[in-house]
Amino acid sequence: RRPAGVCAAALLIASRAHGFTRDHQDVTRILRVCGMTVQERVRDFECTPSANLTLEQFKTMDFLEGEADPPVFTKNRIMEARALAIENQNLALLESGHLDDPRKTILHNSSQTTTTTTNN
């Protein structure tokens, strides 16, 4: 992602976390990025383990123990897993909803598709 979009989302999240009521329009005007970009980057952040932390937990962590894949990578893995489940006629997986949640890790091989929940 471009740095301005990530920076805009970080600024918006930080301002809200510290009690400043700001809209994405305030940030877009300052950083000159599209409002949709800011909203997408905030949604990307929501899919990371860091989004589940309270402000106090976030402040006290020296480093984050986990990593998050880029959103496009995760989206593509979900699409690949869905295509493979369709190809293998794995109705249980398709109906389970596991392929609709980007916070779940999708593992697949040539014979079957399985999902595991990431540790948040």
C-alpha atoms as a PDB file:
ATOM      1  CA  ARG A   1       0.000   0.000   0.000  1.00  0.00           C
ATOM      2  CA  ARG A   2       1.017   3.556  -0.472  1.00  0.00           C
ATOM      3  CA  PRO A   3       2.372   5.230   2.643  1.00  0.00           C
ATOM      4  CA  ALA A   4      -0.119   8.125   2.566  1.00  0.00           C
ATOM      5  CA  GLY A   5      -3.124   5.789   2.806  1.00  0.00           C
ATOM      6  CA  VAL A   6      -1.621   3.792   5.666  1.00  0.00           C
ATOM      7  CA  CYS A   7      -0.558   7.006   7.410  1.00  0.00           C
ATOM      8  CA  ALA A   8      -4.047   8.478   7.041  1.00  0.00           C
ATOM      9  CA  ALA A   9      -5.642   5.383   8.573  1.00  0.00           C
ATOM     10  CA  ALA A  10      -3.093   5.359  11.410  1.00  0.00           C
ATOM     11  CA  LEU A  11      -3.748   9.040  12.114  1.00  0.00           C
ATOM     12  CA  LEU A  12      -7.509   8.482  12.146  1.00  0.00           C
ATOM     13  CA  ILE A  13      -7.248   5.440  14.439  1.00  0.00           C
ATOM     14  CA  ALA A  14      -4.840   7.221  16.792  1.00  0.00           C
ATOM     15  CA  SER A  15      -7.004  10.337  16.993  1.00  0.00           C
ATOM     16  CA  ARG A  16     -10.080   8.291  17.851  1.00  0.00           C
ATOM     17  CA  ALA A  17      -8.156   6.164  20.363  1.00  0.00           C
ATOM     18  CA  HIS A  18      -7.097   9.309  22.215  1.00  0.00           C
ATOM     19  CA  GLY A  19     -10.568  10.829  22.345  1.00  0.00           C
ATOM     20  CA  PHE A  20     -10.486  13.191  19.365  1.00  0.00           C
ATOM     21  CA  THR A  21     -13.620  12.959  17.264  1.00  0.00           C
ATOM     22  CA  ARG A  22     -12.382  13.073  13.715  1.00  0.00           C
ATOM     23  CA  ASP A  23     -13.974  11.895  10.497  1.00  0.00           C
ATOM     24  CA  HIS A  24     -12.081  10.419   7.614  1.00  0.00           C
ATOM     25  CA  GLN A  25     -12.758  13.659   5.710  1.00  0.00           C
ATOM     26  CA  ASP A  26     -10.569  15.551   8.195  1.00  0.00           C
ATOM     27  CA  VAL A  27      -7.672  13.205   7.486  1.00  0.00           C
ATOM     28  CA  THR A  28      -8.206  13.111   3.721  1.00  0.00           C
ATOM     29  CA  ARG A  29      -8.102  16.882   3.527  1.00  0.00           C
ATOM     30  CA  ILE A  30      -4.762  17.036   5.367  1.00  0.00           C
ATOM     31  CA  LEU A  31      -3.025  14.069   3.730  1.00  0.00           C
ATOM     32  CA  ARG A  32      -4.674  14.427   0.314  1.00  0.00           C
ATOM     33  CA  VAL A  33      -5.828  10.863  -0.064  1.00  0.00           C
ATOM     34  CA  CYS A  34      -9.194   9.531  -1.134  1.00  0.00           C
ATOM     35  CA  GLY A  35     -11.749   8.893   1.601  1.00  0.00           C
ATOM     36  CA  MET A  36     -12.336   5.378   0.258  1.00  0.00           C
ATOM     37  CA  THR A  37      -8.623   4.701   0.658  1.00  0.00           C
ATOM     38  CA  VAL A  38      -8.725   5.684   4.317  1.00  0.00           C
ATOM     39  CA  GLN A  39     -11.794   3.531   4.945  1.00  0.00           C
ATOM     40  CA  GLU A  40     -10.149   0.544   3.196  1.00  0.00           C
ATOM     41  CA  ARG A  41      -6.940   0.906   5.233  1.00  0.00           C
ATOM     42  CA  VAL A  42      -8.977   1.085   8.457  1.00  0.00           C
ATOM     43  CA  ARG A  43     -10.800  -2.107   7.377  1.00  0.00           C
ATOM     44  CA  ASP A  44      -7.412  -3.697   6.657  1.00  0.00           C
ATOM     45  CA  PHE A  45      -6.315  -2.827  10.190  1.00  0.00           C
ATOM     46  CA  GLU A  46      -9.506  -4.342  11.615  1.00  0.00           C
ATOM     47  CA  CYS A  47      -8.399  -7.713  10.198  1.00  0.00           C
ATOM     48  CA  THR A  48      -5.123  -7.713  12.151  1.00  0.00           C
ATOM     49  CA  PRO A  49      -4.547  -9.074  15.662  1.00  0.00           C
ATOM     50  CA  SER A  50      -3.642  -5.550  16.844  1.00  0.00           C
ATOM     51  CA  ALA A  51      -7.206  -4.409  16.268  1.00  0.00           C
ATOM     52  CA  ASN A  52      -8.350  -6.656  19.122  1.00  0.00           C
ATOM     53  CA  LEU A  53      -6.134  -4.934  21.691  1.00  0.00           C
ATOM     54  CA  THR A  54      -7.335  -2.286  24.079  1.00  0.00           C
ATOM     55  CA  LEU A  55      -5.494   1.028  24.053  1.00  0.00           C
ATOM     56  CA  GLU A  56      -3.730   0.104  27.307  1.00  0.00           C
ATOM     57  CA  GLN A  57      -2.658  -3.290  25.935  1.00  0.00           C
ATOM     58  CA  PHE A  58      -1.401  -1.621  22.767  1.00  0.00           C
ATOM     59  CA  LYS A  59       0.626   0.933  24.749  1.00  0.00           C
ATOM     60  CA  THR A  60       2.297  -1.656  26.975  1.00  0.00           C
ATOM     61  CA  MET A  61       3.413  -4.053  24.252  1.00  0.00           C
ATOM     62  CA  ASP A  62       7.086  -3.834  23.342  1.00  0.00           C
ATOM     63  CA  PHE A  63       6.411  -5.521  20.033  1.00  0.00           C
ATOM     64  CA  LEU A  64       3.651  -7.431  18.365  1.00  0.00           C
ATOM     65  CA  GLU A  65       4.203 -11.160  18.481  1.00  0.00           C
ATOM     66  CA  GLY A  66       2.292 -11.940  15.328  1.00  0.00           C
ATOM     67  CA  GLU A  67       2.372 -10.730  11.802  1.00  0.00           C
ATOM     68  CA  ALA A  68      -0.460 -10.078   9.401  1.00  0.00           C
ATOM     69  CA  ASP A  69      -0.400 -10.787   5.716  1.00  0.00           C
ATOM     70  CA  PRO A  70      -1.233  -7.936   3.352  1.00  0.00           C
ATOM     71  CA  PRO A  71      -4.997  -7.703   2.757  1.00  0.00           C
ATOM     72  CA  VAL A  72      -4.720  -8.458  -0.957  1.00  0.00           C
ATOM     73  CA  PHE A  73      -2.748 -11.623  -0.201  1.00  0.00           C
ATOM     74  CA  THR A  74      -5.361 -12.760   2.317  1.00  0.00           C
ATOM     75  CA  LYS A  75      -8.197 -11.968  -0.092  1.00  0.00           C
ATOM     76  CA  ASN A  76      -6.508 -13.955  -2.864  1.00  0.00           C
ATOM     77  CA  ARG A  77      -5.932 -16.931  -0.559  1.00  0.00           C
ATOM     78  CA  ILE A  78      -9.625 -16.921   0.339  1.00  0.00           C
ATOM     79  CA  MET A  79     -10.588 -16.800  -3.351  1.00  0.00           C
ATOM     80  CA  GLU A  80      -8.179 -19.666  -4.123  1.00  0.00           C
ATOM     81  CA  ALA A  81      -9.551 -21.735  -1.240  1.00  0.00           C
ATOM     82  CA  ARG A  82     -13.122 -21.060  -2.355  1.00  0.00           C
ATOM     83  CA  ALA A  83     -12.280 -22.098  -5.932  1.00  0.00           C
ATOM     84  CA  LEU A  84     -10.600 -25.254  -4.665  1.00  0.00           C
ATOM     85  CA  ALA A  85     -13.585 -26.082  -2.428  1.00  0.00           C
ATOM     86  CA  ILE A  86     -15.901 -25.664  -5.419  1.00  0.00           C
ATOM     87  CA  GLU A  87     -13.631 -27.822  -7.566  1.00  0.00           C
ATOM     88  CA  ASN A  88     -13.554 -30.528  -4.872  1.00  0.00           C
ATOM     89  CA  GLN A  89     -17.292 -30.099  -4.209  1.00  0.00           C
ATOM     90  CA  ASN A  90     -16.567 -29.459  -0.530  1.00  0.00           C
ATOM     91  CA  LEU A  91     -20.044 -28.207   0.416  1.00  0.00           C
ATOM     92  CA  ALA A  92     -19.355 -28.389   4.147  1.00  0.00           C
ATOM     93  CA  LEU A  93     -16.538 -25.842   3.836  1.00  0.00           C
ATOM     94  CA  LEU A  94     -18.499 -23.614   1.470  1.00  0.00           C
ATOM     95  CA  GLU A  95     -21.506 -23.526   3.798  1.00  0.00           C
ATOM     96  CA  SER A  96     -19.487 -23.177   7.016  1.00  0.00           C
ATOM     97  CA  GLY A  97     -18.688 -19.492   6.532  1.00  0.00           C
ATOM     98  CA  HIS A  98     -14.960 -20.079   7.079  1.00  0.00           C
ATOM     99  CA  LEU A  99     -14.226 -18.709   3.618  1.00  0.00           C
ATOM    100  CA  ASP A 100     -15.955 -15.427   4.440  1.00  0.00           C
ATOM    101  CA  ASP A 101     -13.813 -14.414   7.438  1.00  0.00           C
ATOM    102  CA  PRO A 102     -10.384 -12.974   6.536  1.00  0.00           C
ATOM    103  CA  ARG A 103      -9.220 -13.457  10.141  1.00  0.00           C
ATOM    104  CA  LYS A 104      -9.105 -17.190   9.592  1.00  0.00           C
ATOM    105  CA  THR A 105      -6.012 -18.769   8.099  1.00  0.00           C
ATOM    106  CA  ILE A 106      -6.769 -20.907   5.101  1.00  0.00           C
ATOM    107  CA  LEU A 107      -4.601 -23.913   4.496  1.00  0.00           C
ATOM    108  CA  HIS A 108      -5.041 -26.060   1.455  1.00  0.00           C
ATOM    109  CA  ASN A 109      -3.313 -28.756  -0.480  1.00  0.00           C
ATOM    110  CA  SER A 110      -4.182 -30.558  -3.674  1.00  0.00           C
ATOM    111  CA  SER A 111      -6.606 -33.014  -2.092  1.00  0.00           C
ATOM    112  CA  GLN A 112      -8.527 -31.029   0.536  1.00  0.00           C
ATOM    113  CA  THR A 113      -9.132 -27.599   1.980  1.00  0.00           C
ATOM    114  CA  THR A 114      -9.143 -26.879   5.705  1.00  0.00           C
ATOM    115  CA  THR A 115      -9.283 -23.764   7.807  1.00  0.00           C
ATOM    116  CA  THR A 116      -7.827 -22.846  11.151  1.00  0.00           C
ATOM    117  CA  THR A 117      -8.551 -19.836  13.302  1.00  0.00           C
ATOM    118  CA  THR A 118      -5.626 -17.492  13.858  1.00  0.00           C
ATOM    119  CA  ASN A 119      -4.591 -16.767  17.425  1.00  0.00           C
ATOM    120  CA  ASN A 120      -5.551 -13.202  18.250  1.00  0.00           C
END
